[in-house]
Amino acid sequence: MDKRKTWREQEQQLVERWNAATERYRVAHAENLLPEADAARAELEALRRQVARLKAEFSTGKRY
């Protein structure tokens, strides 16, 4: 049961980081700030990989 709480906290933190990165990307892109937009896009790619890893863990039964 303790693992589930930890996993939920990890997933919630991931959602918060995703939302923050998408907002930074949106603002930087709207203001034509290319270096900041590129940095936010790179962070989104890293978050996508992390989401894929969590999804794979879930589908193989290693989570929940």
PDB file of N, CA and C in Angstrom:
ATOM      1  N   MET A   1       0.816  -1.186   0.000  1.00  0.00           N
ATOM      2  CA  MET A   1       0.000   0.000   0.000  1.00  0.00           C
ATOM      3  C   MET A   1       0.868   1.261   0.000  1.00  0.00           C
ATOM      4  N   ASP A   2       2.022   1.194   0.675  1.00  0.00           N
ATOM      5  CA  ASP A   2       2.914   2.336   0.721  1.00  0.00           C
ATOM      6  C   ASP A   2       3.490   2.638  -0.664  1.00  0.00           C
ATOM      7  N   LYS A   3       3.724   1.577  -1.459  1.00  0.00           N
ATOM      8  CA  LYS A   3       4.221   1.776  -2.819  1.00  0.00           C
ATOM      9  C   LYS A   3       3.209   2.546  -3.661  1.00  0.00           C
ATOM     10  N   ARG A   4       1.946   2.218  -3.486  1.00  0.00           N
ATOM     11  CA  ARG A   4       0.914   2.905  -4.262  1.00  0.00           C
ATOM     12  C   ARG A   4       0.884   4.398  -3.954  1.00  0.00           C
ATOM     13  N   LYS A   5       1.052   4.739  -2.697  1.00  0.00           N
ATOM     14  CA  LYS A   5       1.074   6.154  -2.325  1.00  0.00           C
ATOM     15  C   LYS A   5       2.276   6.836  -2.968  1.00  0.00           C
ATOM     16  N   THR A   6       3.412   6.200  -2.928  1.00  0.00           N
ATOM     17  CA  THR A   6       4.623   6.741  -3.553  1.00  0.00           C
ATOM     18  C   THR A   6       4.425   6.896  -5.043  1.00  0.00           C
ATOM     19  N   TRP A   7       3.834   5.889  -5.695  1.00  0.00           N
ATOM     20  CA  TRP A   7       3.597   5.956  -7.137  1.00  0.00           C
ATOM     21  C   TRP A   7       2.645   7.092  -7.487  1.00  0.00           C
ATOM     22  N   ARG A   8       1.598   7.240  -6.701  1.00  0.00           N
ATOM     23  CA  ARG A   8       0.650   8.333  -6.955  1.00  0.00           C
ATOM     24  C   ARG A   8       1.317   9.693  -6.811  1.00  0.00           C
ATOM     25  N   GLU A   9       2.189   9.825  -5.813  1.00  0.00           N
ATOM     26  CA  GLU A   9       2.916  11.078  -5.630  1.00  0.00           C
ATOM     27  C   GLU A   9       3.846  11.337  -6.820  1.00  0.00           C
ATOM     28  N   GLN A  10       4.524  10.288  -7.293  1.00  0.00           N
ATOM     29  CA  GLN A  10       5.388  10.431  -8.464  1.00  0.00           C
ATOM     30  C   GLN A  10       4.579  10.858  -9.686  1.00  0.00           C
ATOM     31  N   GLU A  11       3.441  10.232  -9.863  1.00  0.00           N
ATOM     32  CA  GLU A  11       2.594  10.560 -11.014  1.00  0.00           C
ATOM     33  C   GLU A  11       2.062  11.981 -10.914  1.00  0.00           C
ATOM     34  N   GLN A  12       1.699  12.408  -9.714  1.00  0.00           N
ATOM     35  CA  GLN A  12       1.208  13.769  -9.526  1.00  0.00           C
ATOM     36  C   GLN A  12       2.307  14.783  -9.803  1.00  0.00           C
ATOM     37  N   GLN A  13       3.516  14.506  -9.339  1.00  0.00           N
ATOM     38  CA  GLN A  13       4.641  15.399  -9.614  1.00  0.00           C
ATOM     39  C   GLN A  13       4.928  15.465 -11.103  1.00  0.00           C
ATOM     40  N   LEU A  14       4.808  14.337 -11.778  1.00  0.00           N
ATOM     41  CA  LEU A  14       5.018  14.307 -13.222  1.00  0.00           C
ATOM     42  C   LEU A  14       3.979  15.165 -13.937  1.00  0.00           C
ATOM     43  N   VAL A  15       2.729  15.083 -13.509  1.00  0.00           N
ATOM     44  CA  VAL A  15       1.663  15.899 -14.101  1.00  0.00           C
ATOM     45  C   VAL A  15       1.948  17.382 -13.868  1.00  0.00           C
ATOM     46  N   GLU A  16       2.379  17.730 -12.667  1.00  0.00           N
ATOM     47  CA  GLU A  16       2.681  19.129 -12.363  1.00  0.00           C
ATOM     48  C   GLU A  16       3.845  19.638 -13.211  1.00  0.00           C
ATOM     49  N   ARG A  17       4.895  18.811 -13.350  1.00  0.00           N
ATOM     50  CA  ARG A  17       6.037  19.205 -14.183  1.00  0.00           C
ATOM     51  C   ARG A  17       5.617  19.341 -15.640  1.00  0.00           C
ATOM     52  N   TRP A  18       4.763  18.434 -16.110  1.00  0.00           N
ATOM     53  CA  TRP A  18       4.269  18.489 -17.494  1.00  0.00           C
ATOM     54  C   TRP A  18       3.503  19.794 -17.731  1.00  0.00           C
ATOM     55  N   ASN A  19       2.588  20.105 -16.821  1.00  0.00           N
ATOM     56  CA  ASN A  19       1.795  21.329 -16.962  1.00  0.00           C
ATOM     57  C   ASN A  19       2.674  22.576 -16.943  1.00  0.00           C
ATOM     58  N   ALA A  20       3.668  22.599 -16.069  1.00  0.00           N
ATOM     59  CA  ALA A  20       4.570  23.750 -15.991  1.00  0.00           C
ATOM     60  C   ALA A  20       5.386  23.881 -17.275  1.00  0.00           C
ATOM     61  N   ALA A  21       5.875  22.768 -17.802  1.00  0.00           N
ATOM     62  CA  ALA A  21       6.676  22.807 -19.029  1.00  0.00           C
ATOM     63  C   ALA A  21       5.833  23.230 -20.222  1.00  0.00           C
ATOM     64  N   THR A  22       4.606  22.753 -20.312  1.00  0.00           N
ATOM     65  CA  THR A  22       3.759  23.155 -21.435  1.00  0.00           C
ATOM     66  C   THR A  22       3.421  24.634 -21.353  1.00  0.00           C
ATOM     67  N   GLU A  23       3.224  25.151 -20.157  1.00  0.00           N
ATOM     68  CA  GLU A  23       2.943  26.581 -19.998  1.00  0.00           C
ATOM     69  C   GLU A  23       4.170  27.414 -20.383  1.00  0.00           C
ATOM     70  N   ARG A  24       5.370  26.983 -19.930  1.00  0.00           N
ATOM     71  CA  ARG A  24       6.591  27.693 -20.310  1.00  0.00           C
ATOM     72  C   ARG A  24       6.783  27.674 -21.821  1.00  0.00           C
ATOM     73  N   TYR A  25       6.513  26.528 -22.439  1.00  0.00           N
ATOM     74  CA  TYR A  25       6.653  26.424 -23.894  1.00  0.00           C
ATOM     75  C   TYR A  25       5.651  27.346 -24.597  1.00  0.00           C
ATOM     76  N   ARG A  26       4.417  27.346 -24.125  1.00  0.00           N
ATOM     77  CA  ARG A  26       3.388  28.170 -24.747  1.00  0.00           C
ATOM     78  C   ARG A  26       3.752  29.652 -24.667  1.00  0.00           C
ATOM     79  N   VAL A  27       4.184  30.104 -23.494  1.00  0.00           N
ATOM     80  CA  VAL A  27       4.541  31.508 -23.303  1.00  0.00           C
ATOM     81  C   VAL A  27       5.766  31.873 -24.144  1.00  0.00           C
ATOM     82  N   ALA A  28       6.789  31.027 -24.117  1.00  0.00           N
ATOM     83  CA  ALA A  28       8.010  31.314 -24.874  1.00  0.00           C
ATOM     84  C   ALA A  28       7.726  31.325 -26.372  1.00  0.00           C
ATOM     85  N   HIS A  29       6.893  30.408 -26.814  1.00  0.00           N
ATOM     86  CA  HIS A  29       6.563  30.346 -28.242  1.00  0.00           C
ATOM     87  C   HIS A  29       5.734  31.566 -28.654  1.00  0.00           C
ATOM     88  N   ALA A  30       4.841  31.984 -27.819  1.00  0.00           N
ATOM     89  CA  ALA A  30       4.003  33.139 -28.126  1.00  0.00           C
ATOM     90  C   ALA A  30       4.823  34.430 -28.182  1.00  0.00           C
ATOM     91  N   GLU A  31       5.876  34.489 -27.379  1.00  0.00           N
ATOM     92  CA  GLU A  31       6.703  35.696 -27.341  1.00  0.00           C
ATOM     93  C   GLU A  31       7.935  35.594 -28.241  1.00  0.00           C
ATOM     94  N   ASN A  32       7.997  34.526 -29.044  1.00  0.00           N
ATOM     95  CA  ASN A  32       9.133  34.297 -29.952  1.00  0.00           C
ATOM     96  C   ASN A  32      10.473  34.236 -29.230  1.00  0.00           C
ATOM     97  N   LEU A  33      10.504  33.609 -28.078  1.00  0.00           N
ATOM     98  CA  LEU A  33      11.743  33.406 -27.337  1.00  0.00           C
ATOM     99  C   LEU A  33      12.256  32.006 -27.665  1.00  0.00           C
ATOM    100  N   LEU A  34      13.005  31.899 -28.732  1.00  0.00           N
ATOM    101  CA  LEU A  34      13.408  30.590 -29.245  1.00  0.00           C
ATOM    102  C   LEU A  34      14.261  29.772 -28.279  1.00  0.00           C
ATOM    103  N   PRO A  35      15.265  30.335 -27.613  1.00  0.00           N
ATOM    104  CA  PRO A  35      16.042  29.485 -26.683  1.00  0.00           C
ATOM    105  C   PRO A  35      15.188  28.916 -25.556  1.00  0.00           C
ATOM    106  N   GLU A  36      14.297  29.732 -25.001  1.00  0.00           N
ATOM    107  CA  GLU A  36      13.427  29.245 -23.932  1.00  0.00           C
ATOM    108  C   GLU A  36      12.437  28.210 -24.448  1.00  0.00           C
ATOM    109  N   ALA A  37      11.925  28.419 -25.655  1.00  0.00           N
ATOM    110  CA  ALA A  37      11.003  27.457 -26.255  1.00  0.00           C
ATOM    111  C   ALA A  37      11.709  26.129 -26.512  1.00  0.00           C
ATOM    112  N   ASP A  38      12.951  26.193 -26.984  1.00  0.00           N
ATOM    113  CA  ASP A  38      13.712  24.969 -27.221  1.00  0.00           C
ATOM    114  C   ASP A  38      13.985  24.223 -25.920  1.00  0.00           C
ATOM    115  N   ALA A  39      14.309  24.954 -24.861  1.00  0.00           N
ATOM    116  CA  ALA A  39      14.548  24.330 -23.562  1.00  0.00           C
ATOM    117  C   ALA A  39      13.276  23.668 -23.043  1.00  0.00           C
ATOM    118  N   ALA A  40      12.149  24.344 -23.185  1.00  0.00           N
ATOM    119  CA  ALA A  40      10.877  23.775 -22.729  1.00  0.00           C
ATOM    120  C   ALA A  40      10.515  22.548 -23.565  1.00  0.00           C
ATOM    121  N   ARG A  41      10.782  22.608 -24.873  1.00  0.00           N
ATOM    122  CA  ARG A  41      10.501  21.457 -25.739  1.00  0.00           C
ATOM    123  C   ARG A  41      11.364  20.258 -25.344  1.00  0.00           C
ATOM    124  N   ALA A  42      12.631  20.509 -25.012  1.00  0.00           N
ATOM    125  CA  ALA A  42      13.516  19.424 -24.571  1.00  0.00           C
ATOM    126  C   ALA A  42      13.013  18.809 -23.269  1.00  0.00           C
ATOM    127  N   GLU A  43      12.530  19.654 -22.367  1.00  0.00           N
ATOM    128  CA  GLU A  43      11.982  19.129 -21.114  1.00  0.00           C
ATOM    129  C   GLU A  43      10.734  18.297 -21.374  1.00  0.00           C
ATOM    130  N   LEU A  44       9.892  18.735 -22.302  1.00  0.00           N
ATOM    131  CA  LEU A  44       8.699  17.963 -22.653  1.00  0.00           C
ATOM    132  C   LEU A  44       9.071  16.600 -23.229  1.00  0.00           C
ATOM    133  N   GLU A  45      10.120  16.561 -24.043  1.00  0.00           N
ATOM    134  CA  GLU A  45      10.568  15.277 -24.597  1.00  0.00           C
ATOM    135  C   GLU A  45      11.037  14.343 -23.486  1.00  0.00           C
ATOM    136  N   ALA A  46      11.767  14.879 -22.510  1.00  0.00           N
ATOM    137  CA  ALA A  46      12.211  14.065 -21.376  1.00  0.00           C
ATOM    138  C   ALA A  46      11.010  13.566 -20.573  1.00  0.00           C
ATOM    139  N   LEU A  47      10.029  14.420 -20.399  1.00  0.00           N
ATOM    140  CA  LEU A  47       8.825  14.016 -19.671  1.00  0.00           C
ATOM    141  C   LEU A  47       8.040  12.963 -20.448  1.00  0.00           C
ATOM    142  N   ARG A  48       8.016  13.077 -21.772  1.00  0.00           N
ATOM    143  CA  ARG A  48       7.336  12.056 -22.588  1.00  0.00           C
ATOM    144  C   ARG A  48       7.985  10.689 -22.395  1.00  0.00           C
ATOM    145  N   ARG A  49       9.321  10.684 -22.359  1.00  0.00           N
ATOM    146  CA  ARG A  49      10.026   9.413 -22.131  1.00  0.00           C
ATOM    147  C   ARG A  49       9.688   8.851 -20.753  1.00  0.00           C
ATOM    148  N   GLN A  50       9.608   9.722 -19.751  1.00  0.00           N
ATOM    149  CA  GLN A  50       9.267   9.264 -18.410  1.00  0.00           C
ATOM    150  C   GLN A  50       7.841   8.716 -18.362  1.00  0.00           C
ATOM    151  N   VAL A  51       6.917   9.373 -19.046  1.00  0.00           N
ATOM    152  CA  VAL A  51       5.538   8.881 -19.110  1.00  0.00           C
ATOM    153  C   VAL A  51       5.510   7.517 -19.788  1.00  0.00           C
ATOM    154  N   ALA A  52       6.268   7.358 -20.855  1.00  0.00           N
ATOM    155  CA  ALA A  52       6.316   6.070 -21.548  1.00  0.00           C
ATOM    156  C   ALA A  52       6.861   4.984 -20.632  1.00  0.00           C
ATOM    157  N   ARG A  53       7.876   5.323 -19.828  1.00  0.00           N
ATOM    158  CA  ARG A  53       8.437   4.347 -18.891  1.00  0.00           C
ATOM    159  C   ARG A  53       7.398   3.937 -17.857  1.00  0.00           C
ATOM    160  N   LEU A  54       6.675   4.925 -17.302  1.00  0.00           N
ATOM    161  CA  LEU A  54       5.638   4.603 -16.318  1.00  0.00           C
ATOM    162  C   LEU A  54       4.526   3.773 -16.940  1.00  0.00           C
ATOM    163  N   LYS A  55       4.169   4.098 -18.174  1.00  0.00           N
ATOM    164  CA  LYS A  55       3.125   3.344 -18.868  1.00  0.00           C
ATOM    165  C   LYS A  55       3.564   1.894 -19.085  1.00  0.00           C
ATOM    166  N   ALA A  56       4.821   1.702 -19.451  1.00  0.00           N
ATOM    167  CA  ALA A  56       5.339   0.344 -19.636  1.00  0.00           C
ATOM    168  C   ALA A  56       5.343  -0.419 -18.317  1.00  0.00           C
ATOM    169  N   GLU A  57       5.731   0.239 -17.237  1.00  0.00           N
ATOM    170  CA  GLU A  57       5.706  -0.406 -15.925  1.00  0.00           C
ATOM    171  C   GLU A  57       4.282  -0.796 -15.547  1.00  0.00           C
ATOM    172  N   PHE A  58       3.346   0.073 -15.825  1.00  0.00           N
ATOM    173  CA  PHE A  58       1.956  -0.219 -15.500  1.00  0.00           C
ATOM    174  C   PHE A  58       1.439  -1.393 -16.321  1.00  0.00           C
ATOM    175  N   SER A  59       1.731  -1.410 -17.618  1.00  0.00           N
ATOM    176  CA  SER A  59       1.194  -2.469 -18.469  1.00  0.00           C
ATOM    177  C   SER A  59       1.836  -3.826 -18.197  1.00  0.00           C
ATOM    178  N   THR A  60       3.057  -3.836 -17.648  1.00  0.00           N
ATOM    179  CA  THR A  60       3.692  -5.115 -17.322  1.00  0.00           C
ATOM    180  C   THR A  60       3.356  -5.574 -15.906  1.00  0.00           C
ATOM    181  N   GLY A  61       2.602  -4.758 -15.167  1.00  0.00           N
ATOM    182  CA  GLY A  61       2.186  -5.169 -13.836  1.00  0.00           C
ATOM    183  C   GLY A  61       3.147  -4.773 -12.735  1.00  0.00           C
ATOM    184  N   LYS A  62       4.149  -3.953 -13.035  1.00  0.00           N
ATOM    185  CA  LYS A  62       5.107  -3.546 -12.011  1.00  0.00           C
ATOM    186  C   LYS A  62       4.579  -2.395 -11.164  1.00  0.00           C
ATOM    187  N   ARG A  63       3.509  -1.763 -11.622  1.00  0.00           N
ATOM    188  CA  ARG A  63       2.851  -0.706 -10.860  1.00  0.00           C
ATOM    189  C   ARG A  63       1.399  -1.119 -10.657  1.00  0.00           C
ATOM    190  N   TYR A  64       0.956  -0.993  -9.460  1.00  0.00           N
ATOM    191  CA  TYR A  64      -0.426  -1.279  -9.073  1.00  0.00           C
ATOM    192  C   TYR A  64      -0.734  -2.702  -9.277  1.00  0.00           C
TER     193      TYR A  64
END
